[in-house]
Amino acid sequence: MQHIPQADLTDFLSGNPAQKNAFVQHIGSSFQEIGFLALKGHFLEESLQEDLYREIKGFFAMPTLNKEAYEIQGGGGQRGYTGFGKEHAEGRTTGDLKEFWHFGQDLNAHPNLKGIYPDNIHVKELHHFNSVGNQVFKKLEKTAEVLLQAIALYLGLDEFYFDPYIQEGNSILRAIHYPPITQAPEEAERAAAHGDINLITLLMGSQGGGLQVLNRNEKWIDAVAAPDELMINIGDMLSRLTNNHLPSTIHRVVNPPQEEWGKARFSLPFFMHPVPKMPLNCLPQMIDETHPKKYEDIEAGAFLHERLVALGLL
């Protein structure tokens, strides 16, 4: 059984050049070889994780009509609530066995983004829901910023290459509820095999197993993070930028064995997106005779729109 590699972000921030470089090389090779990484030493404290899990459990326990009041028609599921079974993996029509909520950038802190990004939707029944979600969003955004600095160094770029593209980026914190399974799913899975759209994804320790990663040998392996770890994976935007030097990681959430159908699963991934105008054109240094250019030029915003259509959200 192949295991998910582990790393500690404090090594990168240690001020020790050798320690920092060892971290850079380790995470880079991990992303190339498996595409997933279990990360300690991040900025999100355990108490804040617990607070958000408490809030999202409260939200998903509300009656369906109350939740549906927060669903934005025509919004592509970018903010607020998306109902059960409405999202499917690209290339499929069967909906995943989940419902979810999206937090985005706090537009009160970034008023210049009003009219560019959708507003966050505020849940009136839960007084701390939005404030806790916003706090977690900021902690994960900071962690992703530092991790992308390490990835930039691994790619031979300036350490701060990504910084101007991710400041005020169109990132999303998704709260997912996989309800108990009440009847045998014919073709549906909790989350069918897919790659993420964004640059990198940071996943808080999920409450419930089932996450699996397709390694580079086309074998599915379990991906289980410790309570103090974030599970990190590469998304399609970074794959395009690196001409597949860092391939997007295919992963899924499999249905539990029948004796565990009665258990719900909760998950909190943070999808790190850049600003919509970031070019995702393959970096010239990643193109040569043995690695011809794999992707057409496109900006992040246009690519996101294409993928939301493919996922059945637009």
Protein backbone atom coordinates (compact mmCIF):
# COMPACT_ATOMS: atom_id res chain seq x y z
CA MET A 1 0.00 0.00 0.00
CA GLN A 2 1.40 3.35 -1.04
CA HIS A 3 1.06 6.06 1.59
CA ILE A 4 0.37 9.77 1.18
CA PRO A 5 3.63 11.73 1.74
CA GLN A 6 3.77 14.08 4.74
CA ALA A 7 5.40 17.48 5.17
CA ASP A 8 5.54 20.25 7.77
CA LEU A 9 5.09 23.85 6.60
CA THR A 10 7.21 25.12 9.49
CA ASP A 11 10.24 23.66 7.66
CA PHE A 12 9.63 26.11 4.80
CA LEU A 13 9.19 29.01 7.24
CA SER A 14 12.14 28.02 9.47
CA GLY A 15 14.64 30.54 8.13
CA ASN A 16 17.05 27.65 7.53
CA PRO A 17 17.92 27.57 3.78
CA ALA A 18 18.72 23.84 3.74
CA GLN A 19 15.50 22.98 5.60
CA LYS A 20 13.49 25.23 3.30
CA ASN A 21 15.00 23.70 0.16
CA ALA A 22 14.42 20.16 1.45
CA PHE A 23 10.74 21.03 1.96
CA VAL A 24 10.49 22.46 -1.58
CA GLN A 25 12.03 19.37 -3.19
CA HIS A 26 9.97 16.97 -1.08
CA ILE A 27 6.60 18.54 -1.82
CA GLY A 28 7.44 18.96 -5.51
CA SER A 29 8.39 15.31 -5.95
CA SER A 30 5.32 14.26 -3.92
CA PHE A 31 3.02 16.22 -6.22
CA GLN A 32 4.71 14.75 -9.29
CA GLU A 33 4.67 11.17 -8.06
CA ILE A 34 1.30 10.96 -6.28
CA GLY A 35 -0.31 14.39 -6.46
CA PHE A 36 -1.40 14.45 -2.81
CA LEU A 37 0.38 15.63 0.33
CA ALA A 38 -0.55 15.59 4.05
CA LEU A 39 0.56 18.93 5.50
CA LYS A 40 1.25 19.77 9.13
CA GLY A 41 2.30 23.17 10.49
CA HIS A 42 -0.43 25.11 8.66
CA PHE A 43 -2.21 28.21 9.97
CA LEU A 44 -5.62 26.67 10.82
CA GLU A 45 -5.95 25.84 14.50
CA GLU A 46 -7.97 22.82 15.62
CA SER A 47 -10.49 24.84 17.65
CA LEU A 48 -11.50 26.83 14.57
CA GLN A 49 -11.97 23.62 12.57
CA GLU A 50 -14.24 22.31 15.32
CA ASP A 51 -16.21 25.56 15.30
CA LEU A 52 -16.85 25.32 11.57
CA TYR A 53 -17.86 21.66 11.69
CA ARG A 54 -20.37 22.56 14.41
CA GLU A 55 -21.80 25.38 12.28
CA ILE A 56 -22.10 23.38 9.06
CA LYS A 57 -23.73 20.44 10.85
CA GLY A 58 -26.27 22.93 12.17
CA PHE A 59 -26.91 24.24 8.67
CA PHE A 60 -27.32 20.87 6.96
CA ALA A 61 -29.63 19.70 9.75
CA MET A 62 -32.11 22.45 8.84
CA PRO A 63 -35.27 21.57 6.89
CA THR A 64 -34.77 21.33 3.12
CA LEU A 65 -37.02 24.33 2.48
CA ASN A 66 -34.87 26.50 4.75
CA LYS A 67 -31.70 25.41 2.96
CA GLU A 68 -33.22 25.90 -0.49
CA ALA A 69 -33.92 29.52 0.40
CA TYR A 70 -30.13 30.05 0.12
CA GLU A 71 -29.81 28.50 -3.36
CA ILE A 72 -29.05 31.13 -6.03
CA GLN A 73 -30.67 30.29 -9.36
CA GLY A 74 -28.26 30.75 -12.27
CA GLY A 75 -25.33 31.36 -9.94
CA GLY A 76 -23.42 28.23 -10.92
CA GLY A 77 -23.32 27.17 -7.27
CA GLN A 78 -20.55 29.72 -6.64
CA ARG A 79 -22.06 31.02 -3.39
CA GLY A 80 -24.59 29.73 -0.92
CA TYR A 81 -26.33 26.36 -1.07
CA THR A 82 -26.37 23.71 -3.80
CA GLY A 83 -28.93 20.96 -3.34
CA PHE A 84 -28.43 17.20 -3.17
CA GLY A 85 -27.42 15.46 -6.40
CA LYS A 86 -27.10 18.61 -8.52
CA GLU A 87 -23.36 18.41 -9.20
CA HIS A 88 -21.85 15.59 -11.22
CA ALA A 89 -18.32 14.77 -12.33
CA GLU A 90 -17.25 15.94 -15.79
CA GLY A 91 -18.33 13.43 -18.41
CA ARG A 92 -21.11 11.99 -16.22
CA THR A 93 -24.80 12.78 -15.86
CA THR A 94 -25.47 10.95 -12.58
CA GLY A 95 -25.41 13.41 -9.70
CA ASP A 96 -23.08 12.94 -6.74
CA LEU A 97 -24.62 11.94 -3.39
CA LYS A 98 -23.96 15.28 -1.70
CA GLU A 99 -25.19 18.78 -0.95
CA PHE A 100 -22.86 21.69 -0.25
CA TRP A 101 -22.34 25.32 0.73
CA HIS A 102 -19.83 27.83 -0.68
CA PHE A 103 -18.09 30.65 1.14
CA GLY A 104 -16.10 33.12 -0.99
CA GLN A 105 -14.01 36.23 -0.46
CA ASP A 106 -15.27 38.66 2.19
CA LEU A 107 -16.33 41.55 -0.02
CA ASN A 108 -16.58 43.88 2.97
CA ALA A 109 -12.79 43.55 3.21
CA HIS A 110 -12.42 43.83 -0.59
CA PRO A 111 -15.08 46.33 -1.77
CA ASN A 112 -13.33 46.64 -5.16
CA LEU A 113 -14.48 43.08 -5.91
CA LYS A 114 -18.18 43.91 -5.66
CA GLY A 115 -19.71 43.28 -9.06
CA ILE A 116 -16.80 40.99 -10.02
CA TYR A 117 -17.37 38.17 -7.52
CA PRO A 118 -20.77 37.16 -6.15
CA ASP A 119 -21.59 38.30 -2.63
CA ASN A 120 -21.46 35.78 0.18
CA ILE A 121 -24.88 34.58 1.32
CA HIS A 122 -25.64 35.12 5.00
CA VAL A 123 -27.50 32.47 6.97
CA LYS A 124 -29.93 34.20 9.32
CA GLU A 125 -30.73 31.11 11.40
CA LEU A 126 -27.10 30.62 12.54
CA HIS A 127 -25.48 33.71 14.01
CA HIS A 128 -21.84 32.51 13.83
CA PHE A 129 -22.02 30.53 10.58
CA ASN A 130 -20.65 33.22 8.26
CA SER A 131 -18.10 34.71 10.64
CA VAL A 132 -16.57 31.30 11.42
CA GLY A 133 -16.53 30.39 7.72
CA ASN A 134 -14.77 33.66 6.90
CA GLN A 135 -12.11 33.07 9.56
CA VAL A 136 -11.38 29.57 8.24
CA PHE A 137 -11.28 30.93 4.67
CA LYS A 138 -8.54 33.43 5.61
CA LYS A 139 -6.43 30.84 7.45
CA LEU A 140 -6.55 28.41 4.54
CA GLU A 141 -5.92 31.17 2.00
CA LYS A 142 -2.74 32.15 3.89
CA THR A 143 -1.61 28.52 4.03
CA ALA A 144 -2.20 28.14 0.27
CA GLU A 145 -0.26 31.35 -0.42
CA VAL A 146 2.84 30.03 1.37
CA LEU A 147 2.51 26.60 -0.22
CA LEU A 148 2.35 28.16 -3.69
CA GLN A 149 5.58 30.03 -2.89
CA ALA A 150 7.24 26.66 -2.29
CA ILE A 151 5.73 25.24 -5.49
CA ALA A 152 7.02 28.26 -7.43
CA LEU A 153 10.56 27.56 -6.23
CA TYR A 154 10.23 23.90 -7.20
CA LEU A 155 9.23 24.98 -10.71
CA GLY A 156 12.23 27.29 -10.99
CA LEU A 157 10.07 30.42 -10.79
CA ASP A 158 10.47 33.44 -8.54
CA GLU A 159 9.29 32.53 -5.04
CA PHE A 160 6.50 35.11 -5.20
CA TYR A 161 5.40 34.36 -8.77
CA PHE A 162 1.85 33.42 -7.72
CA ASP A 163 1.33 36.19 -5.14
CA PRO A 164 -0.11 38.88 -7.45
CA TYR A 165 -2.43 36.32 -9.08
CA ILE A 166 -3.87 34.95 -5.83
CA GLN A 167 -4.27 38.18 -3.86
CA GLU A 168 -8.07 38.61 -3.76
CA GLY A 169 -8.40 35.47 -5.88
CA ASN A 170 -11.76 33.84 -6.58
CA SER A 171 -11.18 31.08 -4.03
CA ILE A 172 -13.97 29.02 -2.47
CA LEU A 173 -14.37 27.23 0.84
CA ARG A 174 -16.84 24.39 0.33
CA ALA A 175 -18.73 22.70 3.15
CA ILE A 176 -19.98 19.29 1.94
CA HIS A 177 -22.59 17.02 3.50
CA TYR A 178 -22.87 13.45 2.27
CA PRO A 179 -26.16 12.31 3.88
CA PRO A 180 -26.78 8.76 5.10
CA ILE A 181 -27.50 6.40 2.19
CA THR A 182 -31.07 5.11 2.38
CA GLN A 183 -31.22 2.83 -0.66
CA ALA A 184 -28.72 1.09 -2.91
CA PRO A 185 -27.15 3.66 -5.28
CA GLU A 186 -27.35 2.26 -8.80
CA GLU A 187 -24.55 4.29 -10.37
CA ALA A 188 -24.08 7.23 -8.02
CA GLU A 189 -21.09 7.73 -5.74
CA ARG A 190 -20.61 10.23 -2.95
CA ALA A 191 -18.18 11.96 -5.32
CA ALA A 192 -17.29 10.33 -8.63
CA ALA A 193 -13.70 10.38 -9.87
CA HIS A 194 -12.66 13.91 -10.84
CA GLY A 195 -9.89 16.47 -10.88
CA ASP A 196 -10.34 19.85 -9.20
CA ILE A 197 -10.63 23.00 -11.31
CA ASN A 198 -8.36 25.31 -9.30
CA LEU A 199 -4.62 25.75 -8.61
CA ILE A 200 -4.40 23.71 -5.39
CA THR A 201 -6.95 22.29 -2.95
CA LEU A 202 -6.55 22.21 0.84
CA LEU A 203 -8.82 19.71 2.59
CA MET A 204 -9.49 19.86 6.31
CA GLY A 205 -9.53 16.48 8.07
CA SER A 206 -12.82 15.00 6.86
CA GLN A 207 -15.29 13.55 9.34
CA GLY A 208 -15.74 10.13 7.75
CA GLY A 209 -13.53 8.07 5.42
CA GLY A 210 -13.87 7.26 1.77
CA LEU A 211 -11.43 9.64 0.04
CA GLN A 212 -9.25 7.82 -2.48
CA VAL A 213 -6.50 9.03 -4.81
CA LEU A 214 -5.56 7.60 -8.21
CA ASN A 215 -1.78 7.38 -8.11
CA ARG A 216 0.48 7.62 -11.17
CA ASN A 217 0.37 3.81 -11.53
CA GLU A 218 -3.42 4.00 -11.98
CA LYS A 219 -4.06 2.42 -8.56
CA TRP A 220 -6.58 3.80 -6.07
CA ILE A 221 -5.11 4.44 -2.61
CA ASP A 222 -6.81 5.67 0.55
CA ALA A 223 -6.06 9.27 1.55
CA VAL A 224 -6.56 9.77 5.27
CA ALA A 225 -5.28 12.90 7.00
CA ALA A 226 -4.50 13.09 10.71
CA PRO A 227 -6.57 15.62 12.70
CA ASP A 228 -3.69 18.16 12.59
CA GLU A 229 -3.05 17.73 8.84
CA LEU A 230 -4.48 19.26 5.70
CA MET A 231 -4.65 17.08 2.60
CA ILE A 232 -3.27 19.01 -0.38
CA ASN A 233 -3.72 18.22 -4.07
CA ILE A 234 -2.95 19.76 -7.45
CA GLY A 235 -5.81 21.14 -9.55
CA ASP A 236 -6.34 21.49 -13.29
CA MET A 237 -5.28 25.15 -13.47
CA LEU A 238 -1.81 24.35 -12.14
CA SER A 239 -1.60 21.37 -14.51
CA ARG A 240 -2.28 23.66 -17.47
CA LEU A 241 0.22 26.25 -16.28
CA THR A 242 2.97 23.63 -15.85
CA ASN A 243 2.13 21.77 -19.10
CA ASN A 244 1.23 18.78 -16.93
CA HIS A 245 4.62 18.80 -15.16
CA LEU A 246 2.51 18.82 -11.99
CA PRO A 247 -0.49 16.73 -13.07
CA SER A 248 -3.92 17.31 -11.59
CA THR A 249 -4.82 14.61 -9.09
CA ILE A 250 -7.81 12.39 -9.85
CA HIS A 251 -9.68 11.50 -6.66
CA ARG A 252 -13.08 10.29 -5.50
CA VAL A 253 -15.18 9.66 -2.41
CA VAL A 254 -16.43 6.07 -2.49
CA ASN A 255 -19.66 4.91 -0.90
CA PRO A 256 -19.21 3.23 2.49
CA PRO A 257 -19.93 -0.47 3.07
CA GLN A 258 -23.62 -1.15 3.57
CA GLU A 259 -23.29 -1.51 7.35
CA GLU A 260 -22.16 2.15 7.45
CA TRP A 261 -24.80 3.60 5.12
CA GLY A 262 -26.50 5.23 8.10
CA LYS A 263 -23.52 7.50 8.80
CA ALA A 264 -23.27 10.97 7.29
CA ARG A 265 -19.94 12.35 6.08
CA PHE A 266 -18.79 15.97 6.24
CA SER A 267 -15.89 17.49 4.34
CA LEU A 268 -14.35 20.99 4.06
CA PRO A 269 -12.13 21.58 1.00
CA PHE A 270 -10.67 25.00 0.19
CA PHE A 271 -10.25 25.56 -3.56
CA MET A 272 -7.47 28.10 -4.19
CA HIS A 273 -8.38 30.09 -7.30
CA PRO A 274 -6.46 32.99 -8.81
CA VAL A 275 -7.98 36.22 -10.08
CA PRO A 276 -10.05 35.61 -13.25
CA LYS A 277 -7.51 37.42 -15.47
CA MET A 278 -4.60 35.09 -14.60
CA PRO A 279 -3.28 33.53 -17.82
CA LEU A 280 -3.07 29.75 -17.59
CA ASN A 281 -0.83 29.55 -20.67
CA CYS A 282 1.76 26.79 -20.41
CA LEU A 283 5.01 28.18 -19.00
CA PRO A 284 7.61 28.31 -21.83
CA GLN A 285 10.23 26.54 -19.69
CA MET A 286 7.86 23.57 -19.36
CA ILE A 287 7.70 23.04 -23.13
CA ASP A 288 10.35 21.20 -25.17
CA GLU A 289 10.65 18.48 -27.81
CA THR A 290 9.80 15.70 -25.38
CA HIS A 291 7.10 17.77 -23.64
CA PRO A 292 5.12 19.52 -26.40
CA LYS A 293 2.50 22.06 -25.40
CA LYS A 294 -0.60 20.18 -24.21
CA TYR A 295 -3.10 22.99 -23.60
CA GLU A 296 -4.50 25.99 -25.43
CA ASP A 297 -4.04 29.45 -23.94
CA ILE A 298 -6.89 30.54 -21.66
CA GLU A 299 -7.53 32.80 -18.67
CA ALA A 300 -8.61 31.42 -15.31
CA GLY A 301 -12.07 33.00 -15.41
CA ALA A 302 -12.93 31.54 -18.82
CA PHE A 303 -11.60 28.13 -17.79
CA LEU A 304 -13.71 28.17 -14.62
CA HIS A 305 -16.82 28.98 -16.65
CA GLU A 306 -16.14 26.09 -19.05
CA ARG A 307 -15.78 23.67 -16.16
CA LEU A 308 -18.93 24.82 -14.33
CA VAL A 309 -20.87 24.11 -17.51
CA ALA A 310 -19.27 20.65 -17.75
CA LEU A 311 -20.22 19.94 -14.11
CA GLY A 312 -23.87 20.77 -14.72
CA LEU A 313 -23.81 23.88 -12.49
CA LEU A 314 -24.28 26.36 -15.34
